[in-house]
Amino acid sequence: FCFTCFSVMSTVLFDSTTHPGIGLVTLNRPQRLNGWTNTLHSELFAALDQAVADPQVRIIVVTGSGRAFCAGADLNEIVDQSPEFAEETRGMTFLMQLPKLVVCAINGPVAGIGLAFALACDVRFAVRDAKVTTAFAKLGLVAEHTISWTLPQLVGTGNALKLLASGEVVTSQECYRMGMFQHLSEPGCVVDDAVAWASKLCNTVSPDALAVIKRQVWVHPHIPVQEASKQCDTMMMASLGPGTESKEGFKAFFEKRNPRFSGYSSSSALQQALEKTVPSKL
């Protein structure tokens, strides 16, 4: 069975053929500014599952079609307690637990649950003129979908409360200055920029090591520093052990070439050590 493909679902596209090593996931409801629906929720998570299962995919990039990334929940279609929504019970912490890096390429306006999704990704690229809003309070809603946890982590408590309490619209440039976004792109270039950065990682970084680093960064700030330090030391020794890719990394360094790392494998010696040493507590 070949995982590499271009998959077309009703609201999401998945492409692992155009850019080697990249699984490109696209929200595909441009006529509704990629508004979040029950179907989109299920298909998006299914596409992420597909990207993780595909051995050719090393980095996942998520973007939107048309002029928006995601304008939040599509209020015309979301139904409270919908049985369809209950079919997909995984929340935004699912992204943090994926073993592959998820890069969000915000190509236009982003609001509400769309912003919550973006903040649960690992790295955010954004077009510099995008409009951004939490939106929840203006709809009489609370901070939903883990955004009350992710937003303060990125911008601090004061900025998070300002954005969540007011529901004000800010620019991606302001978000960049606060630390919410990591890169600003010119109009029409954000996907290319995100893919170019991700492709560089595909050619230079061990997917095995990257999976460990991602887990460390999401987990370690929330446990005692002594425990984090001990886990780091244990994982460092594991990364130097037999069956790991450090040998190829050192060899490539001294030969002044790009390393030829294998793809991610959950059964590798390093991943087995990770599961024993740094349990995901998210």
Protein backbone atom coordinates (compact mmCIF):
# COMPACT_ATOMS: atom_id res chain seq x y z
CA PHE A 1 0.00 0.00 0.00
CA CYS A 2 1.40 3.41 -0.98
CA PHE A 3 0.74 6.25 1.44
CA THR A 4 2.11 8.89 -0.93
CA CYS A 5 -0.86 10.49 -2.58
CA PHE A 6 -3.07 13.43 -3.19
CA SER A 7 -6.25 12.90 -1.18
CA VAL A 8 -9.40 14.91 -1.74
CA MET A 9 -11.97 14.87 1.03
CA SER A 10 -15.02 17.10 1.02
CA THR A 11 -13.43 19.89 3.10
CA VAL A 12 -9.71 19.05 3.35
CA LEU A 13 -6.94 18.27 0.84
CA PHE A 14 -3.85 16.19 1.60
CA ASP A 15 -0.85 16.26 -0.74
CA SER A 16 2.36 14.33 -0.12
CA THR A 17 3.63 14.32 -3.70
CA THR A 18 4.33 17.93 -4.66
CA HIS A 19 7.02 18.69 -2.07
CA PRO A 20 9.31 15.78 -1.12
CA GLY A 21 9.12 15.03 2.59
CA ILE A 22 6.22 17.45 3.15
CA GLY A 23 2.64 16.52 3.92
CA LEU A 24 0.60 19.55 2.84
CA VAL A 25 -2.83 19.71 4.47
CA THR A 26 -5.23 22.36 3.14
CA LEU A 27 -8.53 23.48 4.64
CA ASN A 28 -10.75 23.59 1.57
CA ARG A 29 -13.95 25.57 2.14
CA PRO A 30 -12.86 28.83 0.49
CA GLN A 31 -16.44 29.92 -0.20
CA ARG A 32 -16.98 29.99 3.59
CA LEU A 33 -13.50 31.32 4.46
CA ASN A 34 -12.65 27.78 5.58
CA GLY A 35 -15.14 28.04 8.42
CA TRP A 36 -14.83 25.16 10.88
CA THR A 37 -17.56 22.52 10.68
CA ASN A 38 -18.06 19.06 12.10
CA THR A 39 -16.97 17.53 8.80
CA LEU A 40 -13.86 19.71 8.53
CA HIS A 41 -12.91 18.78 12.10
CA SER A 42 -13.09 15.06 11.34
CA GLU A 43 -11.40 15.29 7.94
CA LEU A 44 -8.59 17.52 9.19
CA PHE A 45 -7.68 15.10 11.94
CA ALA A 46 -7.95 12.20 9.48
CA ALA A 47 -5.49 14.01 7.17
CA LEU A 48 -3.08 14.49 10.07
CA ASP A 49 -3.35 10.78 10.82
CA GLN A 50 -2.55 10.08 7.17
CA ALA A 51 0.49 12.36 7.29
CA VAL A 52 1.85 10.67 10.41
CA ALA A 53 1.32 7.20 8.92
CA ASP A 54 3.05 8.11 5.64
CA PRO A 55 6.74 7.14 5.95
CA GLN A 56 7.66 9.63 3.21
CA VAL A 57 6.30 12.60 5.20
CA ARG A 58 8.76 14.19 7.59
CA ILE A 59 7.12 17.58 8.23
CA ILE A 60 3.43 18.54 8.09
CA VAL A 61 2.35 21.96 6.75
CA VAL A 62 -1.25 23.11 7.25
CA THR A 63 -2.78 26.04 5.35
CA GLY A 64 -6.10 27.29 3.97
CA SER A 65 -7.40 27.63 0.43
CA GLY A 66 -8.62 30.95 -0.90
CA ARG A 67 -8.11 34.22 0.95
CA ALA A 68 -8.53 32.97 4.55
CA PHE A 69 -6.90 30.43 6.82
CA CYS A 70 -9.99 29.83 8.96
CA ALA A 71 -12.62 32.37 9.97
CA GLY A 72 -13.60 30.33 13.02
CA ALA A 73 -16.63 28.13 13.47
CA ASP A 74 -19.16 28.24 10.66
CA LEU A 75 -22.14 29.30 12.77
CA ASN A 76 -24.54 28.35 9.98
CA GLU A 77 -23.53 24.70 10.19
CA ILE A 78 -22.25 23.96 13.70
CA VAL A 79 -24.93 22.27 15.79
CA ASP A 80 -24.54 21.90 19.55
CA GLN A 81 -23.85 18.35 20.70
CA SER A 82 -23.92 17.08 17.10
CA PRO A 83 -23.43 13.30 16.92
CA GLU A 84 -21.16 13.85 13.90
CA PHE A 85 -18.88 16.08 15.98
CA ALA A 86 -18.72 13.43 18.70
CA GLU A 87 -17.22 10.95 16.22
CA GLU A 88 -13.92 12.88 16.42
CA THR A 89 -13.21 13.36 20.11
CA ARG A 90 -9.56 14.37 19.91
CA GLY A 91 -8.86 17.97 20.83
CA MET A 92 -6.08 20.40 19.99
CA THR A 93 -3.57 18.68 22.28
CA PHE A 94 -3.54 15.94 19.65
CA LEU A 95 -1.32 18.17 17.49
CA MET A 96 1.19 18.63 20.31
CA GLN A 97 1.48 14.86 20.70
CA LEU A 98 2.13 14.08 17.04
CA PRO A 99 5.68 12.82 16.47
CA LYS A 100 6.11 15.00 13.37
CA LEU A 101 6.49 18.77 13.38
CA VAL A 102 3.34 20.66 12.36
CA VAL A 103 3.91 24.02 10.66
CA CYS A 104 0.91 26.32 10.27
CA ALA A 105 0.96 28.57 7.19
CA ILE A 106 -1.63 31.25 7.95
CA ASN A 107 -2.52 32.62 4.52
CA GLY A 108 -5.22 35.08 5.61
CA PRO A 109 -7.72 35.94 8.35
CA VAL A 110 -7.83 33.57 11.31
CA ALA A 111 -10.32 33.58 14.17
CA GLY A 112 -11.76 31.55 17.02
CA ILE A 113 -11.21 27.82 16.68
CA GLY A 114 -9.03 28.45 13.63
CA LEU A 115 -6.66 30.46 15.83
CA ALA A 116 -6.83 27.81 18.56
CA PHE A 117 -5.77 25.21 16.01
CA ALA A 118 -2.91 27.39 14.74
CA LEU A 119 -1.60 27.94 18.27
CA ALA A 120 -1.55 24.18 18.91
CA CYS A 121 0.77 23.74 15.91
CA ASP A 122 4.50 23.80 16.54
CA VAL A 123 5.57 26.75 14.36
CA ARG A 124 3.49 29.49 12.73
CA PHE A 125 4.20 31.33 9.48
CA ALA A 126 1.73 34.09 8.61
CA VAL A 127 1.10 36.51 5.78
CA ARG A 128 1.96 39.94 7.13
CA ASP A 129 -1.42 41.54 6.45
CA ALA A 130 -3.62 38.85 8.04
CA LYS A 131 -6.29 39.85 10.55
CA VAL A 132 -6.37 37.85 13.78
CA THR A 133 -8.98 37.60 16.53
CA THR A 134 -9.91 35.25 19.35
CA ALA A 135 -13.59 36.25 18.85
CA PHE A 136 -15.01 34.06 21.67
CA ALA A 137 -16.03 36.74 24.18
CA LYS A 138 -17.98 38.73 21.58
CA LEU A 139 -20.10 35.64 20.96
CA GLY A 140 -20.73 35.08 24.64
CA LEU A 141 -18.34 32.13 24.63
CA VAL A 142 -15.44 31.25 26.91
CA ALA A 143 -11.85 30.59 25.80
CA GLU A 144 -12.24 27.29 23.99
CA HIS A 145 -10.15 24.54 22.43
CA THR A 146 -7.05 24.86 24.65
CA ILE A 147 -6.42 28.50 23.69
CA SER A 148 -6.47 29.53 27.36
CA TRP A 149 -3.34 27.36 27.74
CA THR A 150 -1.50 27.92 24.45
CA LEU A 151 -1.97 31.67 24.12
CA PRO A 152 -0.43 32.66 27.50
CA GLN A 153 2.47 30.31 26.79
CA LEU A 154 3.26 32.27 23.63
CA VAL A 155 2.43 35.90 24.48
CA GLY A 156 2.24 36.07 28.29
CA THR A 157 -0.72 36.39 30.63
CA GLY A 158 -1.37 40.10 30.08
CA ASN A 159 -1.40 39.93 26.30
CA ALA A 160 -3.46 36.74 26.36
CA LEU A 161 -6.11 38.29 28.58
CA LYS A 162 -6.18 41.44 26.46
CA LEU A 163 -6.80 39.43 23.30
CA LEU A 164 -9.27 36.99 24.84
CA ALA A 165 -11.25 39.50 26.92
CA SER A 166 -11.69 42.03 24.14
CA GLY A 167 -12.01 39.81 21.10
CA GLU A 168 -10.33 42.67 19.26
CA VAL A 169 -8.93 42.27 15.77
CA VAL A 170 -5.16 42.62 15.55
CA THR A 171 -2.71 42.26 12.68
CA SER A 172 -0.30 39.42 12.16
CA GLN A 173 2.50 41.95 12.57
CA GLU A 174 1.31 42.61 16.12
CA CYS A 175 1.09 38.86 16.71
CA TYR A 176 4.65 38.47 15.45
CA ARG A 177 5.91 41.15 17.86
CA MET A 178 4.17 39.34 20.75
CA GLY A 179 5.76 36.01 19.81
CA MET A 180 2.57 34.35 18.59
CA PHE A 181 3.92 33.96 15.05
CA GLN A 182 7.49 33.06 14.15
CA HIS A 183 7.73 34.33 10.55
CA LEU A 184 5.95 36.95 8.43
CA SER A 185 5.56 36.46 4.69
CA GLU A 186 4.58 38.70 1.83
CA PRO A 187 1.09 38.18 0.35
CA GLY A 188 0.93 34.97 -1.67
CA CYS A 189 4.22 33.65 -0.30
CA VAL A 190 3.40 32.11 3.07
CA VAL A 191 2.97 28.51 1.90
CA ASP A 192 6.15 28.70 -0.19
CA ASP A 193 8.05 30.13 2.79
CA ALA A 194 6.73 27.49 5.19
CA VAL A 195 7.46 24.68 2.74
CA ALA A 196 10.96 26.03 2.05
CA TRP A 197 11.76 26.06 5.77
CA ALA A 198 10.24 22.62 6.28
CA SER A 199 12.12 21.24 3.27
CA LYS A 200 15.40 22.44 4.73
CA LEU A 201 14.63 20.46 7.88
CA CYS A 202 13.76 17.40 5.79
CA ASN A 203 17.23 17.52 4.24
CA THR A 204 19.27 18.29 7.35
CA VAL A 205 17.51 17.06 10.51
CA SER A 206 16.90 13.58 11.91
CA PRO A 207 13.14 12.88 12.10
CA ASP A 208 13.86 10.60 15.06
CA ALA A 209 15.67 13.36 16.97
CA LEU A 210 13.04 15.91 15.96
CA ALA A 211 10.26 13.78 17.47
CA VAL A 212 12.17 13.72 20.75
CA ILE A 213 12.87 17.46 20.69
CA LYS A 214 9.21 18.24 20.03
CA ARG A 215 8.13 16.13 23.02
CA GLN A 216 10.78 17.77 25.22
CA VAL A 217 9.73 21.30 24.29
CA TRP A 218 6.01 20.67 24.87
CA VAL A 219 6.49 18.73 28.14
CA HIS A 220 9.57 20.05 29.92
CA PRO A 221 8.44 23.62 30.71
CA HIS A 222 5.61 22.13 32.79
CA ILE A 223 7.59 19.76 35.01
CA PRO A 224 10.25 20.51 37.67
CA VAL A 225 13.55 21.60 36.13
CA GLN A 226 15.45 18.83 37.93
CA GLU A 227 13.18 16.21 36.34
CA ALA A 228 13.52 17.83 32.91
CA SER A 229 17.30 17.92 33.27
CA LYS A 230 17.43 14.25 34.19
CA GLN A 231 15.26 13.33 31.22
CA CYS A 232 17.47 15.38 28.88
CA ASP A 233 20.58 13.57 30.10
CA THR A 234 18.92 10.17 29.69
CA MET A 235 17.75 11.00 26.16
CA MET A 236 21.15 12.39 25.20
CA MET A 237 22.76 9.07 26.14
CA ALA A 238 20.03 7.20 24.27
CA SER A 239 20.69 9.29 21.14
CA LEU A 240 24.32 8.16 21.20
CA GLY A 241 23.46 4.50 21.61
CA PRO A 242 23.48 1.66 19.07
CA GLY A 243 20.89 1.79 16.33
CA THR A 244 20.52 5.59 16.49
CA GLU A 245 21.28 8.13 13.78
CA SER A 246 23.93 10.12 15.60
CA LYS A 247 26.63 8.09 13.83
CA GLU A 248 25.36 9.30 10.45
CA GLY A 249 25.03 12.83 11.79
CA PHE A 250 28.64 12.96 12.97
CA LYS A 251 29.88 11.33 9.78
CA ALA A 252 28.03 13.86 7.60
CA PHE A 253 29.41 16.72 9.70
CA PHE A 254 33.02 15.66 9.19
CA GLU A 255 32.44 14.88 5.52
CA LYS A 256 30.81 18.32 5.05
CA ARG A 257 27.63 16.98 3.45
CA ASN A 258 23.95 16.73 4.29
CA PRO A 259 23.18 13.70 6.44
CA ARG A 260 21.17 10.81 5.02
CA PHE A 261 18.83 10.19 7.90
CA SER A 262 16.12 7.54 7.86
CA GLY A 263 12.48 8.51 8.27
CA TYR A 264 10.63 8.54 11.58
CA SER A 265 9.90 5.14 13.10
CA SER A 266 7.95 4.62 16.30
CA SER A 267 9.82 1.36 16.83
CA SER A 268 13.32 2.88 16.71
CA ALA A 269 15.58 2.58 19.75
CA LEU A 270 15.38 6.33 20.34
CA GLN A 271 11.58 6.40 20.26
CA GLN A 272 11.39 3.46 22.63
CA ALA A 273 13.64 5.36 25.02
CA LEU A 274 11.47 8.45 24.63
CA GLU A 275 8.31 6.63 25.65
CA LYS A 276 10.03 5.30 28.77
CA THR A 277 11.77 8.56 29.70
CA VAL A 278 9.53 11.48 28.66
CA PRO A 279 5.89 10.42 28.91
CA SER A 280 3.53 12.84 27.24
CA LYS A 281 1.64 14.62 30.02
CA LEU A 282 -0.35 17.00 27.83
